[in-house]
Amino acid sequence: MTFFYQLHPVVSAVYFFEAILSLLLFNHLATALTGYVGLLLVGIFYTGQSAVWRQFKWNLSLLLMIVFF
């Protein structure tokens, strides 16, 4: 605890704010990736790998067009 006693209160508040923000970001990222993988597995189970791969390529090309243009 001596590290936090040596810091200015504003600096320690910013440190804790950034730590909480990074934890929330990781939590949302992990949740989004889990959902995406689950959707892929369900899609592969019901429609087959070739249909999911075709849809994935189409969506990726559409995303890249939106991002770059």
PDB file of N, CA and C in Angstrom:
ATOM      1  N   MET A   1       0.811  -1.197   0.000  1.00  0.00           N
ATOM      2  CA  MET A   1       0.000   0.000   0.000  1.00  0.00           C
ATOM      3  C   MET A   1       0.856   1.263   0.000  1.00  0.00           C
ATOM      4  N   THR A   2       2.142   1.174   0.244  1.00  0.00           N
ATOM      5  CA  THR A   2       2.955   2.396   0.283  1.00  0.00           C
ATOM      6  C   THR A   2       3.040   3.058  -1.080  1.00  0.00           C
ATOM      7  N   PHE A   3       2.905   2.283  -2.154  1.00  0.00           N
ATOM      8  CA  PHE A   3       2.943   2.874  -3.490  1.00  0.00           C
ATOM      9  C   PHE A   3       1.808   3.879  -3.672  1.00  0.00           C
ATOM     10  N   PHE A   4       0.593   3.518  -3.228  1.00  0.00           N
ATOM     11  CA  PHE A   4      -0.541   4.412  -3.396  1.00  0.00           C
ATOM     12  C   PHE A   4      -0.502   5.582  -2.420  1.00  0.00           C
ATOM     13  N   TYR A   5       0.164   5.424  -1.295  1.00  0.00           N
ATOM     14  CA  TYR A   5       0.296   6.551  -0.368  1.00  0.00           C
ATOM     15  C   TYR A   5       1.258   7.602  -0.900  1.00  0.00           C
ATOM     16  N   GLN A   6       2.196   7.220  -1.758  1.00  0.00           N
ATOM     17  CA  GLN A   6       3.153   8.168  -2.319  1.00  0.00           C
ATOM     18  C   GLN A   6       2.575   8.940  -3.493  1.00  0.00           C
ATOM     19  N   LEU A   7       1.487   8.463  -4.076  1.00  0.00           N
ATOM     20  CA  LEU A   7       0.900   9.119  -5.238  1.00  0.00           C
ATOM     21  C   LEU A   7      -0.036  10.248  -4.834  1.00  0.00           C
ATOM     22  N   HIS A   8      -0.182  11.188  -5.759  1.00  0.00           N
ATOM     23  CA  HIS A   8      -1.172  12.241  -5.577  1.00  0.00           C
ATOM     24  C   HIS A   8      -2.562  11.597  -5.686  1.00  0.00           C
ATOM     25  N   PRO A   9      -3.552  12.082  -4.948  1.00  0.00           N
ATOM     26  CA  PRO A   9      -4.884  11.456  -5.004  1.00  0.00           C
ATOM     27  C   PRO A   9      -5.500  11.442  -6.409  1.00  0.00           C
ATOM     28  N   VAL A  10      -5.231  12.458  -7.209  1.00  0.00           N
ATOM     29  CA  VAL A  10      -5.776  12.492  -8.563  1.00  0.00           C
ATOM     30  C   VAL A  10      -5.132  11.396  -9.412  1.00  0.00           C
ATOM     31  N   VAL A  11      -3.829  11.189  -9.237  1.00  0.00           N
ATOM     32  CA  VAL A  11      -3.128  10.166 -10.002  1.00  0.00           C
ATOM     33  C   VAL A  11      -3.651   8.782  -9.631  1.00  0.00           C
ATOM     34  N   SER A  12      -3.869   8.540  -8.364  1.00  0.00           N
ATOM     35  CA  SER A  12      -4.392   7.230  -7.968  1.00  0.00           C
ATOM     36  C   SER A  12      -5.825   7.041  -8.449  1.00  0.00           C
ATOM     37  N   ALA A  13      -6.622   8.116  -8.466  1.00  0.00           N
ATOM     38  CA  ALA A  13      -7.985   8.013  -8.994  1.00  0.00           C
ATOM     39  C   ALA A  13      -7.959   7.688 -10.485  1.00  0.00           C
ATOM     40  N   VAL A  14      -7.065   8.324 -11.232  1.00  0.00           N
ATOM     41  CA  VAL A  14      -6.937   8.035 -12.657  1.00  0.00           C
ATOM     42  C   VAL A  14      -6.458   6.602 -12.862  1.00  0.00           C
ATOM     43  N   TYR A  15      -5.544   6.143 -12.026  1.00  0.00           N
ATOM     44  CA  TYR A  15      -5.056   4.773 -12.125  1.00  0.00           C
ATOM     45  C   TYR A  15      -6.201   3.776 -11.938  1.00  0.00           C
ATOM     46  N   PHE A  16      -7.003   3.967 -10.893  1.00  0.00           N
ATOM     47  CA  PHE A  16      -8.110   3.047 -10.655  1.00  0.00           C
ATOM     48  C   PHE A  16      -9.173   3.148 -11.739  1.00  0.00           C
ATOM     49  N   PHE A  17      -9.412   4.346 -12.258  1.00  0.00           N
ATOM     50  CA  PHE A  17     -10.359   4.516 -13.354  1.00  0.00           C
ATOM     51  C   PHE A  17      -9.894   3.738 -14.587  1.00  0.00           C
ATOM     52  N   GLU A  18      -8.611   3.832 -14.903  1.00  0.00           N
ATOM     53  CA  GLU A  18      -8.073   3.109 -16.056  1.00  0.00           C
ATOM     54  C   GLU A  18      -8.101   1.606 -15.827  1.00  0.00           C
ATOM     55  N   ALA A  19      -7.845   1.167 -14.610  1.00  0.00           N
ATOM     56  CA  ALA A  19      -7.879  -0.268 -14.317  1.00  0.00           C
ATOM     57  C   ALA A  19      -9.293  -0.820 -14.471  1.00  0.00           C
ATOM     58  N   ILE A  20     -10.275  -0.103 -13.959  1.00  0.00           N
ATOM     59  CA  ILE A  20     -11.667  -0.540 -14.077  1.00  0.00           C
ATOM     60  C   ILE A  20     -12.113  -0.502 -15.536  1.00  0.00           C
ATOM     61  N   LEU A  21     -11.697   0.545 -16.256  1.00  0.00           N
ATOM     62  CA  LEU A  21     -12.046   0.648 -17.670  1.00  0.00           C
ATOM     63  C   LEU A  21     -11.448  -0.503 -18.476  1.00  0.00           C
ATOM     64  N   SER A  22     -10.212  -0.861 -18.195  1.00  0.00           N
ATOM     65  CA  SER A  22      -9.594  -1.975 -18.924  1.00  0.00           C
ATOM     66  C   SER A  22     -10.276  -3.297 -18.586  1.00  0.00           C
ATOM     67  N   LEU A  23     -10.700  -3.476 -17.335  1.00  0.00           N
ATOM     68  CA  LEU A  23     -11.427  -4.690 -16.972  1.00  0.00           C
ATOM     69  C   LEU A  23     -12.773  -4.767 -17.690  1.00  0.00           C
ATOM     70  N   LEU A  24     -13.468  -3.634 -17.772  1.00  0.00           N
ATOM     71  CA  LEU A  24     -14.746  -3.626 -18.485  1.00  0.00           C
ATOM     72  C   LEU A  24     -14.550  -3.907 -19.965  1.00  0.00           C
ATOM     73  N   LEU A  25     -13.502  -3.327 -20.556  1.00  0.00           N
ATOM     74  CA  LEU A  25     -13.229  -3.550 -21.966  1.00  0.00           C
ATOM     75  C   LEU A  25     -12.927  -5.022 -22.222  1.00  0.00           C
ATOM     76  N   PHE A  26     -12.121  -5.638 -21.364  1.00  0.00           N
ATOM     77  CA  PHE A  26     -11.805  -7.051 -21.528  1.00  0.00           C
ATOM     78  C   PHE A  26     -13.051  -7.903 -21.373  1.00  0.00           C
ATOM     79  N   ASN A  27     -13.899  -7.547 -20.425  1.00  0.00           N
ATOM     80  CA  ASN A  27     -15.116  -8.306 -20.192  1.00  0.00           C
ATOM     81  C   ASN A  27     -16.025  -8.227 -21.409  1.00  0.00           C
ATOM     82  N   HIS A  28     -16.182  -7.050 -21.984  1.00  0.00           N
ATOM     83  CA  HIS A  28     -17.044  -6.918 -23.151  1.00  0.00           C
ATOM     84  C   HIS A  28     -16.433  -7.632 -24.356  1.00  0.00           C
ATOM     85  N   LEU A  29     -15.130  -7.566 -24.489  1.00  0.00           N
ATOM     86  CA  LEU A  29     -14.466  -8.242 -25.598  1.00  0.00           C
ATOM     87  C   LEU A  29     -14.624  -9.751 -25.482  1.00  0.00           C
ATOM     88  N   ALA A  30     -14.432 -10.271 -24.282  1.00  0.00           N
ATOM     89  CA  ALA A  30     -14.579 -11.714 -24.077  1.00  0.00           C
ATOM     90  C   ALA A  30     -16.026 -12.149 -24.318  1.00  0.00           C
ATOM     91  N   THR A  31     -16.986 -11.340 -23.887  1.00  0.00           N
ATOM     92  CA  THR A  31     -18.391 -11.667 -24.105  1.00  0.00           C
ATOM     93  C   THR A  31     -18.725 -11.653 -25.591  1.00  0.00           C
ATOM     94  N   ALA A  32     -18.226 -10.652 -26.309  1.00  0.00           N
ATOM     95  CA  ALA A  32     -18.492 -10.553 -27.747  1.00  0.00           C
ATOM     96  C   ALA A  32     -17.856 -11.729 -28.497  1.00  0.00           C
ATOM     97  N   LEU A  33     -16.625 -12.068 -28.151  1.00  0.00           N
ATOM     98  CA  LEU A  33     -15.971 -13.195 -28.827  1.00  0.00           C
ATOM     99  C   LEU A  33     -16.670 -14.517 -28.534  1.00  0.00           C
ATOM    100  N   THR A  34     -17.126 -14.710 -27.313  1.00  0.00           N
ATOM    101  CA  THR A  34     -17.850 -15.932 -26.961  1.00  0.00           C
ATOM    102  C   THR A  34     -19.152 -16.030 -27.748  1.00  0.00           C
ATOM    103  N   GLY A  35     -19.858 -14.930 -27.861  1.00  0.00           N
ATOM    104  CA  GLY A  35     -21.094 -14.927 -28.641  1.00  0.00           C
ATOM    105  C   GLY A  35     -20.842 -15.192 -30.109  1.00  0.00           C
ATOM    106  N   TYR A  36     -19.778 -14.599 -30.647  1.00  0.00           N
ATOM    107  CA  TYR A  36     -19.452 -14.787 -32.059  1.00  0.00           C
ATOM    108  C   TYR A  36     -19.075 -16.244 -32.344  1.00  0.00           C
ATOM    109  N   VAL A  37     -18.277 -16.836 -31.482  1.00  0.00           N
ATOM    110  CA  VAL A  37     -17.891 -18.238 -31.660  1.00  0.00           C
ATOM    111  C   VAL A  37     -19.121 -19.141 -31.526  1.00  0.00           C
ATOM    112  N   GLY A  38     -20.000 -18.812 -30.604  1.00  0.00           N
ATOM    113  CA  GLY A  38     -21.225 -19.594 -30.461  1.00  0.00           C
ATOM    114  C   GLY A  38     -22.098 -19.519 -31.704  1.00  0.00           C
ATOM    115  N   LEU A  39     -22.225 -18.319 -32.275  1.00  0.00           N
ATOM    116  CA  LEU A  39     -22.991 -18.178 -33.517  1.00  0.00           C
ATOM    117  C   LEU A  39     -22.366 -18.978 -34.651  1.00  0.00           C
ATOM    118  N   LEU A  40     -21.043 -18.951 -34.741  1.00  0.00           N
ATOM    119  CA  LEU A  40     -20.373 -19.729 -35.785  1.00  0.00           C
ATOM    120  C   LEU A  40     -20.615 -21.223 -35.615  1.00  0.00           C
ATOM    121  N   LEU A  41     -20.532 -21.712 -34.392  1.00  0.00           N
ATOM    122  CA  LEU A  41     -20.731 -23.145 -34.152  1.00  0.00           C
ATOM    123  C   LEU A  41     -22.157 -23.566 -34.457  1.00  0.00           C
ATOM    124  N   VAL A  42     -23.129 -22.759 -34.060  1.00  0.00           N
ATOM    125  CA  VAL A  42     -24.523 -23.088 -34.356  1.00  0.00           C
ATOM    126  C   VAL A  42     -24.767 -23.058 -35.856  1.00  0.00           C
ATOM    127  N   GLY A  43     -24.192 -22.042 -36.531  1.00  0.00           N
ATOM    128  CA  GLY A  43     -24.332 -21.964 -37.981  1.00  0.00           C
ATOM    129  C   GLY A  43     -23.708 -23.157 -38.688  1.00  0.00           C
ATOM    130  N   ILE A  44     -22.534 -23.570 -38.240  1.00  0.00           N
ATOM    131  CA  ILE A  44     -21.877 -24.740 -38.838  1.00  0.00           C
ATOM    132  C   ILE A  44     -22.697 -26.003 -38.578  1.00  0.00           C
ATOM    133  N   PHE A  45     -23.258 -26.110 -37.393  1.00  0.00           N
ATOM    134  CA  PHE A  45     -24.043 -27.300 -37.060  1.00  0.00           C
ATOM    135  C   PHE A  45     -25.301 -27.410 -37.926  1.00  0.00           C
ATOM    136  N   TYR A  46     -25.991 -26.278 -38.167  1.00  0.00           N
ATOM    137  CA  TYR A  46     -27.261 -26.327 -38.890  1.00  0.00           C
ATOM    138  C   TYR A  46     -27.123 -26.186 -40.397  1.00  0.00           C
ATOM    139  N   THR A  47     -26.177 -25.378 -40.889  1.00  0.00           N
ATOM    140  CA  THR A  47     -26.125 -25.124 -42.334  1.00  0.00           C
ATOM    141  C   THR A  47     -24.898 -25.714 -43.000  1.00  0.00           C
ATOM    142  N   GLY A  48     -23.907 -26.094 -42.256  1.00  0.00           N
ATOM    143  CA  GLY A  48     -22.702 -26.670 -42.843  1.00  0.00           C
ATOM    144  C   GLY A  48     -21.588 -25.641 -42.950  1.00  0.00           C
ATOM    145  N   GLN A  49     -20.381 -26.141 -43.023  1.00  0.00           N
ATOM    146  CA  GLN A  49     -19.203 -25.278 -43.000  1.00  0.00           C
ATOM    147  C   GLN A  49     -19.084 -24.426 -44.260  1.00  0.00           C
ATOM    148  N   SER A  50     -19.441 -24.967 -45.414  1.00  0.00           N
ATOM    149  CA  SER A  50     -19.279 -24.199 -46.654  1.00  0.00           C
ATOM    150  C   SER A  50     -20.222 -23.002 -46.696  1.00  0.00           C
ATOM    151  N   ALA A  51     -21.456 -23.169 -46.209  1.00  0.00           N
ATOM    152  CA  ALA A  51     -22.402 -22.047 -46.194  1.00  0.00           C
ATOM    153  C   ALA A  51     -21.953 -20.964 -45.221  1.00  0.00           C
ATOM    154  N   VAL A  52     -21.450 -21.375 -44.067  1.00  0.00           N
ATOM    155  CA  VAL A  52     -20.979 -20.398 -43.081  1.00  0.00           C
ATOM    156  C   VAL A  52     -19.753 -19.671 -43.616  1.00  0.00           C
ATOM    157  N   TRP A  53     -18.840 -20.391 -44.271  1.00  0.00           N
ATOM    158  CA  TRP A  53     -17.638 -19.758 -44.818  1.00  0.00           C
ATOM    159  C   TRP A  53     -18.003 -18.764 -45.914  1.00  0.00           C
ATOM    160  N   ARG A  54     -18.976 -19.111 -46.785  1.00  0.00           N
ATOM    161  CA  ARG A  54     -19.429 -18.200 -47.834  1.00  0.00           C
ATOM    162  C   ARG A  54     -20.024 -16.928 -47.233  1.00  0.00           C
ATOM    163  N   GLN A  55     -20.861 -17.091 -46.213  1.00  0.00           N
ATOM    164  CA  GLN A  55     -21.481 -15.935 -45.554  1.00  0.00           C
ATOM    165  C   GLN A  55     -20.434 -15.093 -44.843  1.00  0.00           C
ATOM    166  N   PHE A  56     -19.459 -15.743 -44.227  1.00  0.00           N
ATOM    167  CA  PHE A  56     -18.388 -15.019 -43.541  1.00  0.00           C
ATOM    168  C   PHE A  56     -17.583 -14.179 -44.529  1.00  0.00           C
ATOM    169  N   LYS A  57     -17.255 -14.735 -45.693  1.00  0.00           N
ATOM    170  CA  LYS A  57     -16.506 -13.975 -46.701  1.00  0.00           C
ATOM    171  C   LYS A  57     -17.325 -12.790 -47.208  1.00  0.00           C
ATOM    172  N   TRP A  58     -18.612 -12.989 -47.436  1.00  0.00           N
ATOM    173  CA  TRP A  58     -19.467 -11.906 -47.900  1.00  0.00           C
ATOM    174  C   TRP A  58     -19.539 -10.790 -46.852  1.00  0.00           C
ATOM    175  N   ASN A  59     -19.754 -11.156 -45.600  1.00  0.00           N
ATOM    176  CA  ASN A  59     -19.836 -10.150 -44.543  1.00  0.00           C
ATOM    177  C   ASN A  59     -18.507  -9.430 -44.349  1.00  0.00           C
ATOM    178  N   LEU A  60     -17.404 -10.146 -44.458  1.00  0.00           N
ATOM    179  CA  LEU A  60     -16.093  -9.524 -44.306  1.00  0.00           C
ATOM    180  C   LEU A  60     -15.822  -8.545 -45.439  1.00  0.00           C
ATOM    181  N   SER A  61     -16.175  -8.908 -46.663  1.00  0.00           N
ATOM    182  CA  SER A  61     -15.967  -7.983 -47.772  1.00  0.00           C
ATOM    183  C   SER A  61     -16.847  -6.747 -47.620  1.00  0.00           C
ATOM    184  N   LEU A  62     -18.073  -6.920 -47.148  1.00  0.00           N
ATOM    185  CA  LEU A  62     -18.950  -5.775 -46.917  1.00  0.00           C
ATOM    186  C   LEU A  62     -18.396  -4.876 -45.814  1.00  0.00           C
ATOM    187  N   LEU A  63     -17.892  -5.471 -44.751  1.00  0.00           N
ATOM    188  CA  LEU A  63     -17.293  -4.694 -43.664  1.00  0.00           C
ATOM    189  C   LEU A  63     -16.086  -3.911 -44.152  1.00  0.00           C
ATOM    190  N   LEU A  64     -15.241  -4.541 -44.953  1.00  0.00           N
ATOM    191  CA  LEU A  64     -14.050  -3.848 -45.469  1.00  0.00           C
ATOM    192  C   LEU A  64     -14.425  -2.704 -46.411  1.00  0.00           C
ATOM    193  N   MET A  65     -15.477  -2.874 -47.206  1.00  0.00           N
ATOM    194  CA  MET A  65     -15.929  -1.776 -48.053  1.00  0.00           C
ATOM    195  C   MET A  65     -16.448  -0.621 -47.217  1.00  0.00           C
ATOM    196  N   ILE A  66     -17.173  -0.908 -46.160  1.00  0.00           N
ATOM    197  CA  ILE A  66     -17.688   0.157 -45.295  1.00  0.00           C
ATOM    198  C   ILE A  66     -16.548   0.872 -44.599  1.00  0.00           C
ATOM    199  N   VAL A  67     -15.564   0.134 -44.124  1.00  0.00           N
ATOM    200  CA  VAL A  67     -14.447   0.738 -43.389  1.00  0.00           C
ATOM    201  C   VAL A  67     -13.579   1.584 -44.304  1.00  0.00           C
ATOM    202  N   PHE A  68     -13.274   1.098 -45.496  1.00  0.00           N
ATOM    203  CA  PHE A  68     -12.329   1.803 -46.365  1.00  0.00           C
ATOM    204  C   PHE A  68     -12.965   2.883 -47.222  1.00  0.00           C
ATOM    205  N   PHE A  69     -14.273   2.814 -47.433  1.00  0.00           N
ATOM    206  CA  PHE A  69     -14.916   3.832 -48.242  1.00  0.00           C
ATOM    207  C   PHE A  69     -15.870   4.607 -47.398  1.00  0.00           C
TER     208      PHE A  69
END
